[in-house]
Amino acid sequence: MRTTLNRVLLALIGLILLVVGLSVLVGSLDLQRHWDFTMPQWWPFTGPKDVLLANHDRTRYRSDGWWWPVVIAVLAVLLLAGLWWLLAQARTKRLRQIRIDSGDGQGALLRGRAVENVLRSEAGAYEGVEWSSAVLTGRRGTPEARLVLGLAPHATPQEVVTGLDTEVLERARNSAGLSELPAEARLRAVRHRAARVS
């Protein structure tokens, strides 16, 4: 949801900036003289010496009592929306606790960091993996794992993913008493300097 919202907002901001930039560019060119083209009457720029807001447009509402409260309110809303968006980027959906079946009908809570540490260490110790990171997301009863693995040059991605599913994730599912643990693994190649043979 956050990724979709980010894309929509960035697309809207980009579109607005593109339209404003093109209007400034088209207005700064003297199209009527060069290509016999007349700009529409509502267009803000009709020549290279035109401005976006004329002096009359900028000062027209200053004497009205509602002008400054509206300006301040709009700027405050924009500031709060920008701060909310910034905080939303920093906030992660990391799962703090996992609810597991303890067998007594009440259940128990397992720390999400503990499961992440186990996943990280076991995935990092797997053959062909040089480093790893793990994050748990989702809900307490239905956690999901997101793994990022740095692969060694000799590693085969298919073997690493198969081993990750059949060994690392299977152990995590069994130890936490989970019926399933969906996982998304991102594989990245680790860069190495070329080995010199003398």
C-alpha atoms as a PDB file:
ATOM      1  CA  MET A   1       0.000   0.000   0.000  1.00  0.00           C
ATOM      2  CA  ARG A   2       2.793   2.415   0.921  1.00  0.00           C
ATOM      3  CA  THR A   3       4.681   1.665  -2.300  1.00  0.00           C
ATOM      4  CA  THR A   4       1.549   2.302  -4.390  1.00  0.00           C
ATOM      5  CA  LEU A   5       0.852   5.559  -2.560  1.00  0.00           C
ATOM      6  CA  ASN A   6       4.456   6.666  -3.064  1.00  0.00           C
ATOM      7  CA  ARG A   7       4.271   5.966  -6.777  1.00  0.00           C
ATOM      8  CA  VAL A   8       0.970   7.808  -7.181  1.00  0.00           C
ATOM      9  CA  LEU A   9       2.194  10.854  -5.233  1.00  0.00           C
ATOM     10  CA  LEU A  10       5.518  10.961  -7.064  1.00  0.00           C
ATOM     11  CA  ALA A  11       3.725  10.626 -10.409  1.00  0.00           C
ATOM     12  CA  LEU A  12       1.360  13.503  -9.537  1.00  0.00           C
ATOM     13  CA  ILE A  13       4.203  15.729  -8.335  1.00  0.00           C
ATOM     14  CA  GLY A  14       6.216  14.880 -11.437  1.00  0.00           C
ATOM     15  CA  LEU A  15       3.262  15.631 -13.710  1.00  0.00           C
ATOM     16  CA  ILE A  16       2.636  18.993 -12.026  1.00  0.00           C
ATOM     17  CA  LEU A  17       6.318  19.942 -12.291  1.00  0.00           C
ATOM     18  CA  LEU A  18       6.392  18.817 -15.934  1.00  0.00           C
ATOM     19  CA  VAL A  19       3.347  20.934 -16.834  1.00  0.00           C
ATOM     20  CA  VAL A  20       4.729  23.991 -15.013  1.00  0.00           C
ATOM     21  CA  GLY A  21       8.155  23.517 -16.596  1.00  0.00           C
ATOM     22  CA  LEU A  22       6.730  23.120 -20.095  1.00  0.00           C
ATOM     23  CA  SER A  23       4.508  26.180 -19.644  1.00  0.00           C
ATOM     24  CA  VAL A  24       7.546  28.234 -18.624  1.00  0.00           C
ATOM     25  CA  LEU A  25       9.559  26.867 -21.555  1.00  0.00           C
ATOM     26  CA  VAL A  26       6.812  27.411 -24.116  1.00  0.00           C
ATOM     27  CA  GLY A  27       6.059  30.862 -22.710  1.00  0.00           C
ATOM     28  CA  SER A  28       9.701  31.916 -22.804  1.00  0.00           C
ATOM     29  CA  LEU A  29       9.928  31.094 -26.503  1.00  0.00           C
ATOM     30  CA  ASP A  30       8.461  33.605 -28.898  1.00  0.00           C
ATOM     31  CA  LEU A  31       6.394  31.058 -30.832  1.00  0.00           C
ATOM     32  CA  GLN A  32       4.209  33.625 -32.569  1.00  0.00           C
ATOM     33  CA  ARG A  33       7.177  35.243 -34.256  1.00  0.00           C
ATOM     34  CA  HIS A  34       9.087  32.056 -35.115  1.00  0.00           C
ATOM     35  CA  TRP A  35       6.372  29.584 -36.102  1.00  0.00           C
ATOM     36  CA  ASP A  36       3.284  31.742 -36.541  1.00  0.00           C
ATOM     37  CA  PHE A  37       1.641  30.143 -33.512  1.00  0.00           C
ATOM     38  CA  THR A  38      -0.660  31.996 -31.119  1.00  0.00           C
ATOM     39  CA  MET A  39      -0.946  30.916 -27.490  1.00  0.00           C
ATOM     40  CA  PRO A  40      -4.443  30.570 -25.954  1.00  0.00           C
ATOM     41  CA  GLN A  41      -5.784  33.572 -24.050  1.00  0.00           C
ATOM     42  CA  TRP A  42      -5.776  31.719 -20.696  1.00  0.00           C
ATOM     43  CA  TRP A  43      -2.136  30.654 -21.054  1.00  0.00           C
ATOM     44  CA  PRO A  44      -0.021  32.335 -18.311  1.00  0.00           C
ATOM     45  CA  PHE A  45       2.934  33.006 -20.613  1.00  0.00           C
ATOM     46  CA  THR A  46       2.515  34.613 -23.992  1.00  0.00           C
ATOM     47  CA  GLY A  47       6.009  36.011 -24.446  1.00  0.00           C
ATOM     48  CA  PRO A  48       9.552  35.882 -23.088  1.00  0.00           C
ATOM     49  CA  LYS A  49       8.976  38.875 -20.765  1.00  0.00           C
ATOM     50  CA  ASP A  50       5.758  37.618 -19.161  1.00  0.00           C
ATOM     51  CA  VAL A  51       5.604  36.497 -15.513  1.00  0.00           C
ATOM     52  CA  LEU A  52       3.561  33.777 -13.862  1.00  0.00           C
ATOM     53  CA  LEU A  53       1.722  36.194 -11.554  1.00  0.00           C
ATOM     54  CA  ALA A  54       1.342  39.851 -12.413  1.00  0.00           C
ATOM     55  CA  ASN A  55       1.642  42.494  -9.690  1.00  0.00           C
ATOM     56  CA  HIS A  56      -2.146  42.917  -9.618  1.00  0.00           C
ATOM     57  CA  ASP A  57      -2.677  39.144  -9.214  1.00  0.00           C
ATOM     58  CA  ARG A  58      -0.170  38.917  -6.368  1.00  0.00           C
ATOM     59  CA  THR A  59      -1.563  41.822  -4.341  1.00  0.00           C
ATOM     60  CA  ARG A  60      -5.262  41.568  -5.195  1.00  0.00           C
ATOM     61  CA  TYR A  61      -6.381  39.787  -1.977  1.00  0.00           C
ATOM     62  CA  ARG A  62      -3.910  41.167   0.563  1.00  0.00           C
ATOM     63  CA  SER A  63      -6.373  43.708   1.957  1.00  0.00           C
ATOM     64  CA  ASP A  64      -9.075  41.060   2.492  1.00  0.00           C
ATOM     65  CA  GLY A  65      -9.317  39.607   5.983  1.00  0.00           C
ATOM     66  CA  TRP A  66      -9.552  35.994   4.826  1.00  0.00           C
ATOM     67  CA  TRP A  67      -6.402  36.005   2.657  1.00  0.00           C
ATOM     68  CA  TRP A  68      -3.640  35.401   5.225  1.00  0.00           C
ATOM     69  CA  PRO A  69      -5.556  32.791   7.285  1.00  0.00           C
ATOM     70  CA  VAL A  70      -6.228  30.796   4.111  1.00  0.00           C
ATOM     71  CA  VAL A  71      -2.601  31.053   2.985  1.00  0.00           C
ATOM     72  CA  ILE A  72      -1.335  29.955   6.408  1.00  0.00           C
ATOM     73  CA  ALA A  73      -3.880  27.111   6.599  1.00  0.00           C
ATOM     74  CA  VAL A  74      -2.942  25.791   3.142  1.00  0.00           C
ATOM     75  CA  LEU A  75       0.774  25.957   3.945  1.00  0.00           C
ATOM     76  CA  ALA A  76       0.178  24.221   7.298  1.00  0.00           C
ATOM     77  CA  VAL A  77      -1.761  21.421   5.592  1.00  0.00           C
ATOM     78  CA  LEU A  78       1.008  20.992   3.019  1.00  0.00           C
ATOM     79  CA  LEU A  79       3.633  20.924   5.782  1.00  0.00           C
ATOM     80  CA  LEU A  80       1.708  18.334   7.806  1.00  0.00           C
ATOM     81  CA  ALA A  81       1.119  16.192   4.707  1.00  0.00           C
ATOM     82  CA  GLY A  82       4.834  16.338   3.881  1.00  0.00           C
ATOM     83  CA  LEU A  83       5.799  15.388   7.448  1.00  0.00           C
ATOM     84  CA  TRP A  84       3.288  12.524   7.443  1.00  0.00           C
ATOM     85  CA  TRP A  85       4.715  11.246   4.160  1.00  0.00           C
ATOM     86  CA  LEU A  86       8.281  11.507   5.504  1.00  0.00           C
ATOM     87  CA  LEU A  87       7.399   9.629   8.698  1.00  0.00           C
ATOM     88  CA  ALA A  88       5.564   6.978   6.687  1.00  0.00           C
ATOM     89  CA  GLN A  89       8.787   6.288   4.767  1.00  0.00           C
ATOM     90  CA  ALA A  90      10.736   5.767   7.977  1.00  0.00           C
ATOM     91  CA  ARG A  91       8.103   3.579   9.616  1.00  0.00           C
ATOM     92  CA  THR A  92       8.575  -0.122   8.973  1.00  0.00           C
ATOM     93  CA  LYS A  93       5.979  -2.809   9.309  1.00  0.00           C
ATOM     94  CA  ARG A  94       8.368  -5.000  11.290  1.00  0.00           C
ATOM     95  CA  LEU A  95       6.543  -7.621  13.334  1.00  0.00           C
ATOM     96  CA  ARG A  96       7.459  -7.314  17.007  1.00  0.00           C
ATOM     97  CA  GLN A  97       5.794 -10.507  18.248  1.00  0.00           C
ATOM     98  CA  ILE A  98       4.496 -13.779  16.838  1.00  0.00           C
ATOM     99  CA  ARG A  99       1.563 -15.606  18.358  1.00  0.00           C
ATOM    100  CA  ILE A 100       2.272 -19.332  18.594  1.00  0.00           C
ATOM    101  CA  ASP A 101       0.205 -22.265  19.832  1.00  0.00           C
ATOM    102  CA  SER A 102       1.596 -23.347  23.204  1.00  0.00           C
ATOM    103  CA  GLY A 103      -0.749 -26.312  23.521  1.00  0.00           C
ATOM    104  CA  ASP A 104      -2.629 -25.011  26.570  1.00  0.00           C
ATOM    105  CA  GLY A 105      -5.293 -23.151  24.612  1.00  0.00           C
ATOM    106  CA  GLN A 106      -3.968 -19.704  25.534  1.00  0.00           C
ATOM    107  CA  GLY A 107      -1.029 -19.379  23.180  1.00  0.00           C
ATOM    108  CA  ALA A 108       2.275 -17.611  23.655  1.00  0.00           C
ATOM    109  CA  LEU A 109       4.120 -14.676  22.156  1.00  0.00           C
ATOM    110  CA  LEU A 110       7.529 -15.086  20.568  1.00  0.00           C
ATOM    111  CA  ARG A 111       9.752 -12.074  19.954  1.00  0.00           C
ATOM    112  CA  GLY A 112      10.025 -11.249  16.267  1.00  0.00           C
ATOM    113  CA  ARG A 113      13.660 -10.135  16.660  1.00  0.00           C
ATOM    114  CA  ALA A 114      14.588 -13.594  17.937  1.00  0.00           C
ATOM    115  CA  VAL A 115      13.133 -15.261  14.835  1.00  0.00           C
ATOM    116  CA  GLU A 116      14.807 -12.656  12.596  1.00  0.00           C
ATOM    117  CA  ASN A 117      18.183 -13.311  14.237  1.00  0.00           C
ATOM    118  CA  VAL A 118      17.817 -17.068  13.752  1.00  0.00           C
ATOM    119  CA  LEU A 119      16.785 -16.648  10.107  1.00  0.00           C
ATOM    120  CA  ARG A 120      19.650 -14.229   9.503  1.00  0.00           C
ATOM    121  CA  SER A 121      22.307 -16.450  11.088  1.00  0.00           C
ATOM    122  CA  GLU A 122      21.111 -19.696   9.509  1.00  0.00           C
ATOM    123  CA  ALA A 123      20.671 -18.164   6.057  1.00  0.00           C
ATOM    124  CA  GLY A 124      24.097 -16.510   6.339  1.00  0.00           C
ATOM    125  CA  ALA A 125      25.688 -19.846   7.266  1.00  0.00           C
ATOM    126  CA  TYR A 126      24.188 -21.594   4.236  1.00  0.00           C
ATOM    127  CA  GLU A 127      26.617 -22.644   1.503  1.00  0.00           C
ATOM    128  CA  GLY A 128      27.045 -19.913  -1.089  1.00  0.00           C
ATOM    129  CA  VAL A 129      25.610 -17.111   1.051  1.00  0.00           C
ATOM    130  CA  GLU A 130      28.116 -14.516   2.259  1.00  0.00           C
ATOM    131  CA  TRP A 131      25.735 -12.252   4.184  1.00  0.00           C
ATOM    132  CA  SER A 132      22.032 -12.070   4.895  1.00  0.00           C
ATOM    133  CA  SER A 133      19.366  -9.916   6.485  1.00  0.00           C
ATOM    134  CA  ALA A 134      15.869 -10.877   7.612  1.00  0.00           C
ATOM    135  CA  VAL A 135      12.748  -8.938   8.581  1.00  0.00           C
ATOM    136  CA  LEU A 136       9.407 -10.296   9.744  1.00  0.00           C
ATOM    137  CA  THR A 137       6.239  -8.552   8.551  1.00  0.00           C
ATOM    138  CA  GLY A 138       2.550  -9.397   8.507  1.00  0.00           C
ATOM    139  CA  ARG A 139       0.358 -10.157  11.523  1.00  0.00           C
ATOM    140  CA  ARG A 140       1.029 -11.968  14.761  1.00  0.00           C
ATOM    141  CA  GLY A 141      -0.767 -15.126  13.681  1.00  0.00           C
ATOM    142  CA  THR A 142       0.394 -15.057  10.046  1.00  0.00           C
ATOM    143  CA  PRO A 143       3.969 -13.743   9.868  1.00  0.00           C
ATOM    144  CA  GLU A 144       5.893 -13.312   6.628  1.00  0.00           C
ATOM    145  CA  ALA A 145       9.653 -13.211   6.167  1.00  0.00           C
ATOM    146  CA  ARG A 146      11.638 -10.938   3.883  1.00  0.00           C
ATOM    147  CA  LEU A 147      15.211 -12.011   3.294  1.00  0.00           C
ATOM    148  CA  VAL A 148      18.045 -10.372   1.407  1.00  0.00           C
ATOM    149  CA  LEU A 149      20.963 -12.654   0.615  1.00  0.00           C
ATOM    150  CA  GLY A 150      24.397 -11.777  -0.718  1.00  0.00           C
ATOM    151  CA  LEU A 151      25.504 -14.627  -2.980  1.00  0.00           C
ATOM    152  CA  ALA A 152      29.093 -15.695  -3.473  1.00  0.00           C
ATOM    153  CA  PRO A 153      30.355 -15.899  -7.078  1.00  0.00           C
ATOM    154  CA  HIS A 154      30.262 -19.717  -7.067  1.00  0.00           C
ATOM    155  CA  ALA A 155      26.721 -19.944  -5.647  1.00  0.00           C
ATOM    156  CA  THR A 156      23.819 -21.211  -7.731  1.00  0.00           C
ATOM    157  CA  PRO A 157      20.658 -19.168  -7.051  1.00  0.00           C
ATOM    158  CA  GLN A 158      18.308 -22.112  -7.546  1.00  0.00           C
ATOM    159  CA  GLU A 159      20.200 -24.257  -5.036  1.00  0.00           C
ATOM    160  CA  VAL A 160      20.297 -21.426  -2.506  1.00  0.00           C
ATOM    161  CA  VAL A 161      16.542 -20.773  -2.790  1.00  0.00           C
ATOM    162  CA  THR A 162      15.719 -24.494  -2.561  1.00  0.00           C
ATOM    163  CA  GLY A 163      17.953 -24.938   0.484  1.00  0.00           C
ATOM    164  CA  LEU A 164      16.516 -21.820   2.047  1.00  0.00           C
ATOM    165  CA  ASP A 165      12.995 -23.213   1.727  1.00  0.00           C
ATOM    166  CA  THR A 166      13.674 -26.829   2.677  1.00  0.00           C
ATOM    167  CA  GLU A 167      16.127 -26.180   5.513  1.00  0.00           C
ATOM    168  CA  VAL A 168      16.212 -22.661   6.931  1.00  0.00           C
ATOM    169  CA  LEU A 169      12.527 -21.745   6.624  1.00  0.00           C
ATOM    170  CA  GLU A 170      11.371 -25.254   7.465  1.00  0.00           C
ATOM    171  CA  ARG A 171      13.315 -25.186  10.745  1.00  0.00           C
ATOM    172  CA  ALA A 172      11.895 -21.745  11.549  1.00  0.00           C
ATOM    173  CA  ARG A 173       8.350 -22.969  10.858  1.00  0.00           C
ATOM    174  CA  ASN A 174       8.795 -26.068  13.012  1.00  0.00           C
ATOM    175  CA  SER A 175      10.499 -24.318  15.914  1.00  0.00           C
ATOM    176  CA  ALA A 176       7.861 -21.558  16.059  1.00  0.00           C
ATOM    177  CA  GLY A 177       4.989 -23.999  15.556  1.00  0.00           C
ATOM    178  CA  LEU A 178       3.770 -22.222  12.442  1.00  0.00           C
ATOM    179  CA  SER A 179       1.762 -24.007   9.800  1.00  0.00           C
ATOM    180  CA  GLU A 180       3.315 -21.803   7.138  1.00  0.00           C
ATOM    181  CA  LEU A 181       5.861 -19.006   6.856  1.00  0.00           C
ATOM    182  CA  PRO A 182       5.667 -17.274   3.462  1.00  0.00           C
ATOM    183  CA  ALA A 183       8.979 -15.727   2.506  1.00  0.00           C
ATOM    184  CA  GLU A 184      10.305 -13.344  -0.115  1.00  0.00           C
ATOM    185  CA  ALA A 185      14.016 -13.679  -0.841  1.00  0.00           C
ATOM    186  CA  ARG A 186      16.033 -11.124  -2.780  1.00  0.00           C
ATOM    187  CA  LEU A 187      19.352 -12.360  -4.078  1.00  0.00           C
ATOM    188  CA  ARG A 188      22.238 -10.003  -4.670  1.00  0.00           C
ATOM    189  CA  ALA A 189      25.634 -10.783  -6.114  1.00  0.00           C
ATOM    190  CA  VAL A 190      28.596  -9.916  -3.915  1.00  0.00           C
ATOM    191  CA  ARG A 191      31.335  -8.131  -5.819  1.00  0.00           C
ATOM    192  CA  HIS A 192      34.853  -9.404  -5.480  1.00  0.00           C
ATOM    193  CA  ARG A 193      38.174  -8.241  -6.777  1.00  0.00           C
ATOM    194  CA  ALA A 194      39.570 -10.325  -9.571  1.00  0.00           C
ATOM    195  CA  ALA A 195      41.981 -12.959  -8.332  1.00  0.00           C
ATOM    196  CA  ARG A 196      45.455 -12.687  -9.791  1.00  0.00           C
ATOM    197  CA  VAL A 197      47.322 -15.796 -10.773  1.00  0.00           C
ATOM    198  CA  SER A 198      51.090 -15.585 -10.869  1.00  0.00           C
END
